[in-house]
């Protein structure tokens, strides 16, 4: 450890960051603004050993892979959504259930 007073314990759910490609390794057909930045991967998992924020860390993912990177966040949540209310998504779900299982989805 680097001497920090705040150590994140082994087994804690965290998010790490790993640079996969630097900007010079990006594909030439990408838009210019994309080519200027490195390609970064974020992975969530359980710490394999105690670690410090912004320090090196290894996690075990829910699928059992071990991935190493820089510790970025403790107990991250899932923050994605499908945006504002989209009526088509409601109908698609209802129609799909009806098609897969037949009849009224409520009975």
C-alpha atoms as a PDB file:
ATOM      1  CA  UNK A   1       0.000   0.000   0.000  1.00  0.00           C
ATOM      2  CA  UNK A   2       1.058   3.588  -0.536  1.00  0.00           C
ATOM      3  CA  UNK A   3       0.393   4.707   3.029  1.00  0.00           C
ATOM      4  CA  UNK A   4      -3.196   5.903   2.554  1.00  0.00           C
ATOM      5  CA  UNK A   5      -5.513   5.932   5.565  1.00  0.00           C
ATOM      6  CA  UNK A   6      -8.385   4.539   3.485  1.00  0.00           C
ATOM      7  CA  UNK A   7      -7.992   0.956   2.301  1.00  0.00           C
ATOM      8  CA  UNK A   8     -10.739  -0.832   0.430  1.00  0.00           C
ATOM      9  CA  UNK A   9     -11.000  -4.367   1.689  1.00  0.00           C
ATOM     10  CA  UNK A  10     -10.737  -7.629  -0.214  1.00  0.00           C
ATOM     11  CA  UNK A  11     -14.159  -8.819  -1.368  1.00  0.00           C
ATOM     12  CA  UNK A  12     -15.622  -5.314  -1.851  1.00  0.00           C
ATOM     13  CA  UNK A  13     -17.633  -4.713  -5.056  1.00  0.00           C
ATOM     14  CA  UNK A  14     -15.674  -2.145  -7.105  1.00  0.00           C
ATOM     15  CA  UNK A  15     -15.099  -0.751 -10.595  1.00  0.00           C
ATOM     16  CA  UNK A  16     -11.653  -0.727 -12.142  1.00  0.00           C
ATOM     17  CA  UNK A  17     -10.382   1.013 -15.264  1.00  0.00           C
ATOM     18  CA  UNK A  18      -7.938  -0.421 -17.764  1.00  0.00           C
ATOM     19  CA  UNK A  19      -6.471   1.221 -20.860  1.00  0.00           C
ATOM     20  CA  UNK A  20      -6.859  -1.247 -23.718  1.00  0.00           C
ATOM     21  CA  UNK A  21      -5.359   0.902 -26.500  1.00  0.00           C
ATOM     22  CA  UNK A  22      -3.570   4.219 -26.416  1.00  0.00           C
ATOM     23  CA  UNK A  23      -4.627   6.889 -28.904  1.00  0.00           C
ATOM     24  CA  UNK A  24      -1.885   5.928 -31.396  1.00  0.00           C
ATOM     25  CA  UNK A  25      -3.274   2.383 -31.614  1.00  0.00           C
ATOM     26  CA  UNK A  26      -6.852   3.388 -32.498  1.00  0.00           C
ATOM     27  CA  UNK A  27      -8.329   2.366 -35.863  1.00  0.00           C
ATOM     28  CA  UNK A  28      -7.719   4.937 -38.620  1.00  0.00           C
ATOM     29  CA  UNK A  29     -11.375   5.021 -39.747  1.00  0.00           C
ATOM     30  CA  UNK A  30     -12.613   6.339 -36.376  1.00  0.00           C
ATOM     31  CA  UNK A  31     -13.816   9.941 -36.114  1.00  0.00           C
ATOM     32  CA  UNK A  32     -10.958  12.346 -35.321  1.00  0.00           C
ATOM     33  CA  UNK A  33     -12.249  13.224 -31.843  1.00  0.00           C
ATOM     34  CA  UNK A  34     -12.431   9.504 -30.969  1.00  0.00           C
ATOM     35  CA  UNK A  35      -8.928   8.764 -32.284  1.00  0.00           C
ATOM     36  CA  UNK A  36      -7.481  11.428 -29.968  1.00  0.00           C
ATOM     37  CA  UNK A  37      -8.301   9.524 -26.770  1.00  0.00           C
ATOM     38  CA  UNK A  38      -7.283   6.089 -25.491  1.00  0.00           C
ATOM     39  CA  UNK A  39      -9.731   3.168 -25.539  1.00  0.00           C
ATOM     40  CA  UNK A  40     -10.687   2.496 -21.909  1.00  0.00           C
ATOM     41  CA  UNK A  41     -12.434  -0.531 -20.399  1.00  0.00           C
ATOM     42  CA  UNK A  42     -14.303  -0.493 -17.090  1.00  0.00           C
ATOM     43  CA  UNK A  43     -14.860  -3.737 -15.225  1.00  0.00           C
ATOM     44  CA  UNK A  44     -16.866  -4.403 -12.072  1.00  0.00           C
ATOM     45  CA  UNK A  45     -16.028  -7.175  -9.667  1.00  0.00           C
ATOM     46  CA  UNK A  46     -14.937  -8.172  -6.183  1.00  0.00           C
ATOM     47  CA  UNK A  47     -11.475  -7.120  -5.004  1.00  0.00           C
ATOM     48  CA  UNK A  48      -9.073 -10.040  -4.860  1.00  0.00           C
ATOM     49  CA  UNK A  49      -6.836  -8.190  -2.351  1.00  0.00           C
ATOM     50  CA  UNK A  50      -7.061  -4.979  -0.299  1.00  0.00           C
ATOM     51  CA  UNK A  51      -6.446  -1.909  -2.489  1.00  0.00           C
ATOM     52  CA  UNK A  52      -6.441   1.896  -2.472  1.00  0.00           C
ATOM     53  CA  UNK A  53      -8.443   4.287  -4.625  1.00  0.00           C
ATOM     54  CA  UNK A  54      -6.599   5.123  -7.851  1.00  0.00           C
ATOM     55  CA  UNK A  55      -4.157   2.311  -7.070  1.00  0.00           C
ATOM     56  CA  UNK A  56      -3.571  -0.991  -8.803  1.00  0.00           C
ATOM     57  CA  UNK A  57      -6.259  -3.583  -8.149  1.00  0.00           C
ATOM     58  CA  UNK A  58      -7.418  -6.968  -9.346  1.00  0.00           C
ATOM     59  CA  UNK A  59     -11.063  -7.977  -9.338  1.00  0.00           C
ATOM     60  CA  UNK A  60     -12.914 -11.216  -9.850  1.00  0.00           C
ATOM     61  CA  UNK A  61     -15.946 -10.666 -12.056  1.00  0.00           C
ATOM     62  CA  UNK A  62     -19.296 -12.384 -11.666  1.00  0.00           C
ATOM     63  CA  UNK A  63     -18.209 -14.761 -14.438  1.00  0.00           C
ATOM     64  CA  UNK A  64     -15.036 -15.715 -12.538  1.00  0.00           C
ATOM     65  CA  UNK A  65     -12.509 -13.790 -14.662  1.00  0.00           C
ATOM     66  CA  UNK A  66      -9.699 -11.932 -12.933  1.00  0.00           C
ATOM     67  CA  UNK A  67      -8.981  -8.498 -14.394  1.00  0.00           C
ATOM     68  CA  UNK A  68      -6.421  -5.930 -13.241  1.00  0.00           C
ATOM     69  CA  UNK A  69      -6.569  -2.170 -13.543  1.00  0.00           C
ATOM     70  CA  UNK A  70      -6.850   1.065 -11.568  1.00  0.00           C
ATOM     71  CA  UNK A  71      -9.435   1.159  -8.774  1.00  0.00           C
ATOM     72  CA  UNK A  72     -11.933   3.886  -9.667  1.00  0.00           C
ATOM     73  CA  UNK A  73     -15.115   3.385  -7.636  1.00  0.00           C
ATOM     74  CA  UNK A  74     -16.357   1.511  -4.568  1.00  0.00           C
ATOM     75  CA  UNK A  75     -19.762  -0.170  -4.667  1.00  0.00           C
ATOM     76  CA  UNK A  76     -20.697   1.181  -8.117  1.00  0.00           C
ATOM     77  CA  UNK A  77     -24.298   1.021  -9.205  1.00  0.00           C
ATOM     78  CA  UNK A  78     -25.752   0.438 -12.625  1.00  0.00           C
ATOM     79  CA  UNK A  79     -26.688   3.827 -14.028  1.00  0.00           C
ATOM     80  CA  UNK A  80     -27.899   3.017 -17.532  1.00  0.00           C
ATOM     81  CA  UNK A  81     -31.476   3.401 -18.656  1.00  0.00           C
ATOM     82  CA  UNK A  82     -33.523   3.606 -21.838  1.00  0.00           C
ATOM     83  CA  UNK A  83     -34.121   7.334 -21.551  1.00  0.00           C
ATOM     84  CA  UNK A  84     -37.543   8.888 -21.280  1.00  0.00           C
ATOM     85  CA  UNK A  85     -40.719   6.832 -21.365  1.00  0.00           C
ATOM     86  CA  UNK A  86     -40.896   4.959 -24.656  1.00  0.00           C
ATOM     87  CA  UNK A  87     -44.371   3.525 -25.298  1.00  0.00           C
ATOM     88  CA  UNK A  88     -43.056   1.146 -27.978  1.00  0.00           C
ATOM     89  CA  UNK A  89     -40.956  -0.678 -25.384  1.00  0.00           C
ATOM     90  CA  UNK A  90     -44.021  -1.305 -23.239  1.00  0.00           C
ATOM     91  CA  UNK A  91     -45.972  -2.706 -26.191  1.00  0.00           C
ATOM     92  CA  UNK A  92     -43.040  -4.791 -27.446  1.00  0.00           C
ATOM     93  CA  UNK A  93     -42.697  -6.455 -24.043  1.00  0.00           C
ATOM     94  CA  UNK A  94     -46.412  -7.223 -23.824  1.00  0.00           C
ATOM     95  CA  UNK A  95     -46.598  -8.484 -27.420  1.00  0.00           C
ATOM     96  CA  UNK A  96     -43.498 -10.655 -26.993  1.00  0.00           C
ATOM     97  CA  UNK A  97     -44.845 -12.307 -23.843  1.00  0.00           C
ATOM     98  CA  UNK A  98     -48.135 -12.985 -25.614  1.00  0.00           C
ATOM     99  CA  UNK A  99     -46.358 -14.484 -28.627  1.00  0.00           C
ATOM    100  CA  UNK A 100     -44.024 -16.643 -26.530  1.00  0.00           C
ATOM    101  CA  UNK A 101     -46.549 -17.916 -24.008  1.00  0.00           C
ATOM    102  CA  UNK A 102     -49.861 -17.326 -25.763  1.00  0.00           C
ATOM    103  CA  UNK A 103     -53.011 -15.663 -24.546  1.00  0.00           C
ATOM    104  CA  UNK A 104     -53.363 -12.853 -22.061  1.00  0.00           C
ATOM    105  CA  UNK A 105     -50.132 -12.167 -20.134  1.00  0.00           C
ATOM    106  CA  UNK A 106     -52.129 -11.686 -16.935  1.00  0.00           C
ATOM    107  CA  UNK A 107     -53.999 -14.953 -16.946  1.00  0.00           C
END
